[in-house]
PDB file of all heavy atoms in Angstrom:
ATOM      1  N   ASN A   1     126.830  73.206  76.140  1.00  0.00           N
ATOM      2  CA  ASN A   1     127.207  73.939  74.949  1.00  0.00           C
ATOM      3  C   ASN A   1     127.032  75.450  75.112  1.00  0.00           C
ATOM      4  O   ASN A   1     127.428  76.223  74.254  1.00  0.00           O
ATOM      5  CB  ASN A   1     126.409  73.410  73.734  1.00  0.00           C
ATOM      6  CG  ASN A   1     124.924  73.622  73.854  1.00  0.00           C
ATOM      7  OD1 ASN A   1     124.423  73.996  74.904  1.00  0.00           O
ATOM      8  ND2 ASN A   1     124.209  73.351  72.763  1.00  0.00           N
ATOM      9  N   ARG A   2     126.398  75.887  76.197  1.00  0.00           N
ATOM     10  CA  ARG A   2     126.267  77.315  76.466  1.00  0.00           C
ATOM     11  C   ARG A   2     127.391  77.820  77.414  1.00  0.00           C
ATOM     12  O   ARG A   2     127.348  79.000  77.838  1.00  0.00           O
ATOM     13  CB  ARG A   2     124.933  77.671  77.014  1.00  0.00           C
ATOM     14  CG  ARG A   2     123.800  77.384  76.071  1.00  0.00           C
ATOM     15  CD  ARG A   2     122.466  77.746  76.790  1.00  0.00           C
ATOM     16  NE  ARG A   2     122.704  77.996  78.197  1.00  0.00           N
ATOM     17  CZ  ARG A   2     121.888  78.530  79.066  1.00  0.00           C
ATOM     18  NH1 ARG A   2     120.753  78.868  78.737  1.00  0.00           N
ATOM     19  NH2 ARG A   2     122.231  78.719  80.328  1.00  0.00           N
ATOM     20  N   THR A   3     128.251  76.959  77.853  1.00  0.00           N
ATOM     21  CA  THR A   3     129.330  77.285  78.772  1.00  0.00           C
ATOM     22  C   THR A   3     130.646  77.562  78.065  1.00  0.00           C
ATOM     23  O   THR A   3     131.108  76.702  77.281  1.00  0.00           O
ATOM     24  CB  THR A   3     129.531  76.139  79.852  1.00  0.00           C
ATOM     25  OG1 THR A   3     128.273  75.778  80.379  1.00  0.00           O
ATOM     26  CG2 THR A   3     130.482  76.644  80.927  1.00  0.00           C
ATOM     27  N   VAL A   4     131.216  78.728  78.308  1.00  0.00           N
ATOM     28  CA  VAL A   4     132.446  79.198  77.716  1.00  0.00           C
ATOM     29  C   VAL A   4     133.537  79.194  78.736  1.00  0.00           C
ATOM     30  O   VAL A   4     133.395  79.842  79.839  1.00  0.00           O
ATOM     31  CB  VAL A   4     132.238  80.580  77.110  1.00  0.00           C
ATOM     32  CG1 VAL A   4     133.537  81.120  76.579  1.00  0.00           C
ATOM     33  CG2 VAL A   4     131.171  80.570  76.016  1.00  0.00           C
ATOM     34  N   ALA A   5     134.627  78.466  78.504  1.00  0.00           N
ATOM     35  CA  ALA A   5     135.764  78.409  79.343  1.00  0.00           C
ATOM     36  C   ALA A   5     136.585  79.720  79.293  1.00  0.00           C
ATOM     37  O   ALA A   5     136.751  80.210  78.217  1.00  0.00           O
ATOM     38  CB  ALA A   5     136.698  77.211  78.985  1.00  0.00           C
ATOM     39  N   LEU A   6     137.033  80.170  80.433  1.00  0.00           N
ATOM     40  CA  LEU A   6     137.803  81.438  80.497  1.00  0.00           C
ATOM     41  C   LEU A   6     138.903  81.223  81.546  1.00  0.00           C
ATOM     42  O   LEU A   6     138.661  80.522  82.521  1.00  0.00           O
ATOM     43  CB  LEU A   6     136.851  82.555  80.930  1.00  0.00           C
ATOM     44  CG  LEU A   6     137.473  83.935  81.234  1.00  0.00           C
ATOM     45  CD1 LEU A   6     138.205  84.477  79.974  1.00  0.00           C
ATOM     46  CD2 LEU A   6     136.425  84.876  81.677  1.00  0.00           C
ATOM     47  N   GLY A   7     140.054  81.802  81.308  1.00  0.00           N
ATOM     48  CA  GLY A   7     141.142  81.773  82.252  1.00  0.00           C
ATOM     49  C   GLY A   7     142.242  80.802  81.803  1.00  0.00           C
ATOM     50  O   GLY A   7     142.020  79.634  81.730  1.00  0.00           O
ATOM     51  N   GLY A   8     143.360  81.434  81.269  1.00  0.00           N
ATOM     52  CA  GLY A   8     144.487  80.674  80.830  1.00  0.00           C
ATOM     53  C   GLY A   8     144.184  79.945  79.483  1.00  0.00           C
ATOM     54  O   GLY A   8     144.976  79.055  79.133  1.00  0.00           O
ATOM     55  N   ILE A   9     143.256  80.412  78.757  1.00  0.00           N
ATOM     56  CA  ILE A   9     143.014  79.793  77.424  1.00  0.00           C
ATOM     57  C   ILE A   9     144.005  80.377  76.435  1.00  0.00           C
ATOM     58  O   ILE A   9     144.126  81.549  76.298  1.00  0.00           O
ATOM     59  CB  ILE A   9     141.566  80.108  76.975  1.00  0.00           C
ATOM     60  CG1 ILE A   9     140.498  79.779  78.053  1.00  0.00           C
ATOM     61  CG2 ILE A   9     141.252  79.404  75.660  1.00  0.00           C
ATOM     62  CD1 ILE A   9     140.399  78.311  78.451  1.00  0.00           C
ATOM     63  N   SER A  10     144.665  79.443  75.781  1.00  0.00           N
ATOM     64  CA  SER A  10     145.607  79.821  74.734  1.00  0.00           C
ATOM     65  C   SER A  10     145.189  79.065  73.419  1.00  0.00           C
ATOM     66  O   SER A  10     144.349  78.155  73.499  1.00  0.00           O
ATOM     67  CB  SER A  10     147.001  79.386  75.122  1.00  0.00           C
ATOM     68  OG  SER A  10     147.044  78.005  75.423  1.00  0.00           O
ATOM     69  N   TYR A  11     145.752  79.531  72.319  1.00  0.00           N
ATOM     70  CA  TYR A  11     145.415  78.890  71.061  1.00  0.00           C
ATOM     71  C   TYR A  11     145.650  77.350  71.119  1.00  0.00           C
ATOM     72  O   TYR A  11     144.850  76.588  70.562  1.00  0.00           O
ATOM     73  CB  TYR A  11     146.191  79.495  69.890  1.00  0.00           C
ATOM     74  CG  TYR A  11     145.753  80.917  69.597  1.00  0.00           C
ATOM     75  CD1 TYR A  11     146.541  81.998  69.951  1.00  0.00           C
ATOM     76  CD2 TYR A  11     144.511  81.164  68.968  1.00  0.00           C
ATOM     77  CE1 TYR A  11     146.121  83.317  69.681  1.00  0.00           C
ATOM     78  CE2 TYR A  11     144.130  82.445  68.679  1.00  0.00           C
ATOM     79  CZ  TYR A  11     144.899  83.543  69.044  1.00  0.00           C
ATOM     80  OH  TYR A  11     144.475  84.787  68.807  1.00  0.00           O
ATOM     81  N   ASP A  12     146.747  76.964  71.726  1.00  0.00           N
ATOM     82  CA  ASP A  12     147.112  75.524  71.776  1.00  0.00           C
ATOM     83  C   ASP A  12     146.143  74.662  72.722  1.00  0.00           C
ATOM     84  O   ASP A  12     146.219  73.469  72.743  1.00  0.00           O
ATOM     85  CB  ASP A  12     148.555  75.256  72.084  1.00  0.00           C
ATOM     86  CG  ASP A  12     148.994  75.863  73.421  1.00  0.00           C
ATOM     87  OD1 ASP A  12     148.248  76.560  74.136  1.00  0.00           O
ATOM     88  OD2 ASP A  12     150.118  75.420  73.862  1.00  0.00           O
ATOM     89  N   ARG A  13     145.349  75.383  73.489  1.00  0.00           N
ATOM     90  CA  ARG A  13     144.416  74.678  74.419  1.00  0.00           C
ATOM     91  C   ARG A  13     142.953  74.630  73.859  1.00  0.00           C
ATOM     92  O   ARG A  13     142.120  74.058  74.480  1.00  0.00           O
ATOM     93  CB  ARG A  13     144.415  75.328  75.787  1.00  0.00           C
ATOM     94  CG  ARG A  13     145.641  75.065  76.538  1.00  0.00           C
ATOM     95  CD  ARG A  13     145.518  75.667  77.884  1.00  0.00           C
ATOM     96  NE  ARG A  13     146.577  75.189  78.814  1.00  0.00           N
ATOM     97  CZ  ARG A  13     147.053  75.887  79.827  1.00  0.00           C
ATOM     98  NH1 ARG A  13     146.569  77.050  80.091  1.00  0.00           N
ATOM     99  NH2 ARG A  13     148.010  75.366  80.553  1.00  0.00           N
ATOM    100  N   LEU A  14     142.672  75.258  72.701  1.00  0.00           N
ATOM    101  CA  LEU A  14     141.359  75.285  72.194  1.00  0.00           C
ATOM    102  C   LEU A  14     140.747  73.881  71.996  1.00  0.00           C
ATOM    103  O   LEU A  14     139.598  73.634  72.378  1.00  0.00           O
ATOM    104  CB  LEU A  14     141.274  76.053  70.880  1.00  0.00           C
ATOM    105  CG  LEU A  14     141.454  77.596  71.121  1.00  0.00           C
ATOM    106  CD1 LEU A  14     141.474  78.267  69.730  1.00  0.00           C
ATOM    107  CD2 LEU A  14     140.454  78.231  71.998  1.00  0.00           C
ATOM    108  N   SER A  15     141.502  72.972  71.422  1.00  0.00           N
ATOM    109  CA  SER A  15     140.975  71.638  71.183  1.00  0.00           C
ATOM    110  C   SER A  15     140.719  70.905  72.492  1.00  0.00           C
ATOM    111  O   SER A  15     139.767  70.186  72.626  1.00  0.00           O
ATOM    112  CB  SER A  15     141.959  70.835  70.294  1.00  0.00           C
ATOM    113  OG  SER A  15     141.990  71.377  69.017  1.00  0.00           O
ATOM    114  N   LEU A  16     141.625  71.090  73.455  1.00  0.00           N
ATOM    115  CA  LEU A  16     141.472  70.505  74.780  1.00  0.00           C
ATOM    116  C   LEU A  16     140.144  71.022  75.446  1.00  0.00           C
ATOM    117  O   LEU A  16     139.395  70.286  75.969  1.00  0.00           O
ATOM    118  CB  LEU A  16     142.661  70.817  75.663  1.00  0.00           C
ATOM    119  CG  LEU A  16     142.513  70.418  77.143  1.00  0.00           C
ATOM    120  CD1 LEU A  16     142.304  68.937  77.284  1.00  0.00           C
ATOM    121  CD2 LEU A  16     143.718  70.887  77.910  1.00  0.00           C
ATOM    122  N   VAL A  17     139.969  72.348  75.401  1.00  0.00           N
ATOM    123  CA  VAL A  17     138.799  72.920  75.993  1.00  0.00           C
ATOM    124  C   VAL A  17     137.511  72.383  75.367  1.00  0.00           C
ATOM    125  O   VAL A  17     136.533  72.042  76.029  1.00  0.00           O
ATOM    126  CB  VAL A  17     138.817  74.518  75.885  1.00  0.00           C
ATOM    127  CG1 VAL A  17     137.484  75.126  76.205  1.00  0.00           C
ATOM    128  CG2 VAL A  17     139.897  75.058  76.725  1.00  0.00           C
ATOM    129  N   GLU A  18     137.499  72.262  74.013  1.00  0.00           N
ATOM    130  CA  GLU A  18     136.368  71.632  73.312  1.00  0.00           C
ATOM    131  C   GLU A  18     136.145  70.232  73.759  1.00  0.00           C
ATOM    132  O   GLU A  18     135.011  69.823  74.038  1.00  0.00           O
ATOM    133  CB  GLU A  18     136.498  71.780  71.866  1.00  0.00           C
ATOM    134  CG  GLU A  18     135.306  71.309  71.077  1.00  0.00           C
ATOM    135  CD  GLU A  18     135.420  71.549  69.544  1.00  0.00           C
ATOM    136  OE1 GLU A  18     136.539  71.764  69.054  1.00  0.00           O
ATOM    137  OE2 GLU A  18     134.389  71.458  68.909  1.00  0.00           O
ATOM    138  N   SER A  19     137.185  69.388  73.842  1.00  0.00           N
ATOM    139  CA  SER A  19     137.132  68.028  74.242  1.00  0.00           C
ATOM    140  C   SER A  19     136.646  67.861  75.701  1.00  0.00           C
ATOM    141  O   SER A  19     136.099  66.844  76.095  1.00  0.00           O
ATOM    142  CB  SER A  19     138.397  67.308  73.988  1.00  0.00           C
ATOM    143  OG  SER A  19     139.379  67.666  75.017  1.00  0.00           O
ATOM    144  N   MET A  20     136.836  68.910  76.548  1.00  0.00           N
ATOM    145  CA  MET A  20     136.419  68.898  77.930  1.00  0.00           C
ATOM    146  C   MET A  20     134.906  69.083  78.049  1.00  0.00           C
ATOM    147  O   MET A  20     134.343  68.891  79.130  1.00  0.00           O
ATOM    148  CB  MET A  20     137.154  69.976  78.710  1.00  0.00           C
ATOM    149  CG  MET A  20     138.625  69.797  78.856  1.00  0.00           C
ATOM    150  SD  MET A  20     139.513  71.214  79.501  1.00  0.00           S
ATOM    151  CE  MET A  20     138.985  71.151  81.238  1.00  0.00           C
ATOM    152  N   GLY A  21     134.217  69.464  76.935  1.00  0.00           N
ATOM    153  CA  GLY A  21     132.776  69.631  77.034  1.00  0.00           C
ATOM    154  C   GLY A  21     132.252  71.018  77.015  1.00  0.00           C
ATOM    155  O   GLY A  21     131.055  71.221  77.144  1.00  0.00           O
ATOM    156  N   PHE A  22     133.119  72.008  76.892  1.00  0.00           N
ATOM    157  CA  PHE A  22     132.747  73.355  76.802  1.00  0.00           C
ATOM    158  C   PHE A  22     132.222  73.708  75.454  1.00  0.00           C
ATOM    159  O   PHE A  22     132.636  73.176  74.430  1.00  0.00           O
ATOM    160  CB  PHE A  22     133.930  74.326  77.176  1.00  0.00           C
ATOM    161  CG  PHE A  22     134.258  74.307  78.641  1.00  0.00           C
ATOM    162  CD1 PHE A  22     135.263  73.466  79.123  1.00  0.00           C
ATOM    163  CD2 PHE A  22     133.653  75.152  79.528  1.00  0.00           C
ATOM    164  CE1 PHE A  22     135.635  73.471  80.442  1.00  0.00           C
ATOM    165  CE2 PHE A  22     133.910  75.116  80.883  1.00  0.00           C
ATOM    166  CZ  PHE A  22     134.918  74.306  81.357  1.00  0.00           C
ATOM    167  N   GLY A  23     131.265  74.719  75.375  1.00  0.00           N
ATOM    168  CA  GLY A  23     130.691  75.102  74.107  1.00  0.00           C
ATOM    169  C   GLY A  23     131.494  76.263  73.516  1.00  0.00           C
ATOM    170  O   GLY A  23     131.160  76.725  72.363  1.00  0.00           O
ATOM    171  N   GLY A  24     132.554  76.698  74.171  1.00  0.00           N
ATOM    172  CA  GLY A  24     133.380  77.746  73.617  1.00  0.00           C
ATOM    173  C   GLY A  24     134.534  78.129  74.545  1.00  0.00           C
ATOM    174  O   GLY A  24     134.675  77.527  75.629  1.00  0.00           O
ATOM    175  N   ALA A  25     135.306  79.063  74.091  1.00  0.00           N
ATOM    176  CA  ALA A  25     136.508  79.506  74.858  1.00  0.00           C
ATOM    177  C   ALA A  25     136.650  80.988  74.703  1.00  0.00           C
ATOM    178  O   ALA A  25     136.512  81.496  73.610  1.00  0.00           O
ATOM    179  CB  ALA A  25     137.758  78.775  74.424  1.00  0.00           C
ATOM    180  N   ALA A  26     136.923  81.659  75.810  1.00  0.00           N
ATOM    181  CA  ALA A  26     137.162  83.097  75.781  1.00  0.00           C
ATOM    182  C   ALA A  26     138.654  83.299  76.110  1.00  0.00           C
ATOM    183  O   ALA A  26     139.170  82.764  77.108  1.00  0.00           O
ATOM    184  CB  ALA A  26     136.313  83.811  76.777  1.00  0.00           C
TER     185      ALA A  26
END
Protein backbone atom coordinates (compact mmCIF):
# COMPACT_ATOMS: atom_id res chain seq x y z
CA ASN A 1 0.00 0.00 0.00
CA ARG A 2 3.03 2.33 0.05
CA THR A 3 3.95 1.51 -3.58
CA VAL A 4 2.77 3.90 -6.28
CA ALA A 5 2.69 2.74 -9.91
CA LEU A 6 4.25 5.11 -12.45
CA GLY A 7 4.74 4.93 -16.20
CA GLY A 8 1.94 4.78 -18.74
CA ILE A 9 -0.74 5.38 -16.13
CA SER A 10 -3.92 6.74 -17.65
CA TYR A 11 -7.33 7.48 -16.18
CA ASP A 12 -8.74 4.30 -17.69
CA ARG A 13 -6.01 2.20 -16.01
CA LEU A 14 -6.52 3.44 -12.43
CA SER A 15 -8.84 0.58 -11.45
CA LEU A 16 -6.46 -1.94 -13.02
CA VAL A 17 -3.49 -0.48 -11.11
CA GLU A 18 -5.43 -0.67 -7.85
CA SER A 19 -6.47 -4.27 -8.56
CA MET A 20 -2.81 -5.13 -9.22
CA GLY A 21 -2.02 -4.38 -5.56
CA PHE A 22 -0.53 -0.90 -5.78
CA GLY A 23 -1.38 1.68 -3.13
CA GLY A 24 -1.55 4.47 -5.67
CA ALA A 25 -0.84 5.72 -9.16
CA ALA A 26 1.25 8.63 -10.42
